[in-house]
Protein backbone atom coordinates (compact mmCIF):
# COMPACT_ATOMS: atom_id res chain seq x y z
CA MET A 1 118.02 100.36 114.42
CA LYS A 2 117.52 99.79 110.90
CA ILE A 3 114.69 98.52 108.83
CA THR A 4 113.68 97.87 105.35
CA LEU A 5 109.90 100.14 105.47
CA ASN A 6 107.99 99.30 102.51
CA GLY A 7 111.52 98.28 100.24
CA GLU A 8 113.43 101.19 101.28
CA MET A 9 116.13 101.19 104.72
CA ARG A 10 115.11 103.19 106.62
CA ASP A 11 116.56 104.08 110.80
CA LEU A 12 113.35 104.96 113.09
CA ALA A 13 114.38 105.21 116.68
CA GLY A 14 111.22 102.60 117.53
CA PRO A 15 110.56 100.41 119.62
CA THR A 16 107.20 99.79 118.31
CA VAL A 17 105.53 99.30 114.44
CA GLN A 18 103.33 102.59 116.15
CA ASP A 19 105.76 104.14 117.11
CA ALA A 20 108.28 103.47 113.82
CA LEU A 21 104.71 105.34 111.95
CA VAL A 22 104.48 108.26 113.90
CA GLN A 23 108.18 108.05 112.32
CA ALA A 24 108.00 107.82 109.87
CA GLY A 25 104.40 110.18 109.13
CA LEU A 26 102.07 107.39 108.98
CA GLY A 27 100.64 108.07 112.87
CA ALA A 28 97.61 108.65 111.72
CA ALA A 29 96.80 107.77 108.42
CA LYS A 30 94.47 104.68 108.14
CA VAL A 31 96.69 101.91 106.83
CA ALA A 32 97.38 98.10 106.84
CA THR A 33 101.05 97.30 107.57
CA ALA A 34 102.36 93.85 108.22
CA LEU A 35 106.15 92.21 110.04
CA ASN A 36 108.37 90.44 108.50
CA GLY A 37 105.74 89.35 105.60
CA ALA A 38 102.55 88.56 108.27
CA PHE A 39 99.62 90.60 108.18
CA LEU A 40 100.46 92.94 111.62
CA PRO A 41 96.57 94.01 112.80
CA ALA A 42 96.15 98.25 114.00
CA ALA A 43 95.30 96.91 117.62
CA ALA A 44 98.54 94.94 117.93
CA ARG A 45 101.04 97.96 116.78
CA ALA A 46 101.16 99.73 119.83
CA GLU A 47 103.00 96.25 122.15
CA THR A 48 105.11 94.90 119.11
CA ARG A 49 108.58 95.95 119.32
CA LEU A 50 111.02 95.46 116.35
CA LYS A 51 114.54 94.82 116.04
CA ASP A 52 117.07 95.87 113.80
CA GLY A 53 117.00 93.91 110.16
CA ASP A 54 112.58 93.33 110.07
CA ALA A 55 110.39 94.71 107.29
CA LEU A 56 107.51 96.51 108.06
CA GLU A 57 105.38 97.08 104.80
CA VAL A 58 102.54 99.72 105.19
CA VAL A 59 99.99 99.73 102.43
CA ALA A 60 97.42 102.83 102.27
CA PRO A 61 93.72 101.84 101.17
CA MET A 62 92.41 102.42 97.58
CA GLN A 63 89.05 103.17 95.97
CA GLY A 64 88.14 102.59 92.58
CA GLY A 65 87.21 99.97 90.50
């Protein structure tokens, strides 16, 4: 399926957000996710299914000041 991952069109098999993160090499990363503009808790990633045209944003925490 084709989804937008961090603003870039990607072709991923899915079917869940967690599967897509693994396919994108982010499966073990500590990240925050948003699906179609709404925050998606880490606990919901394995059960949230993706569909063509979805937009997934993945953000890694940063330190600094």
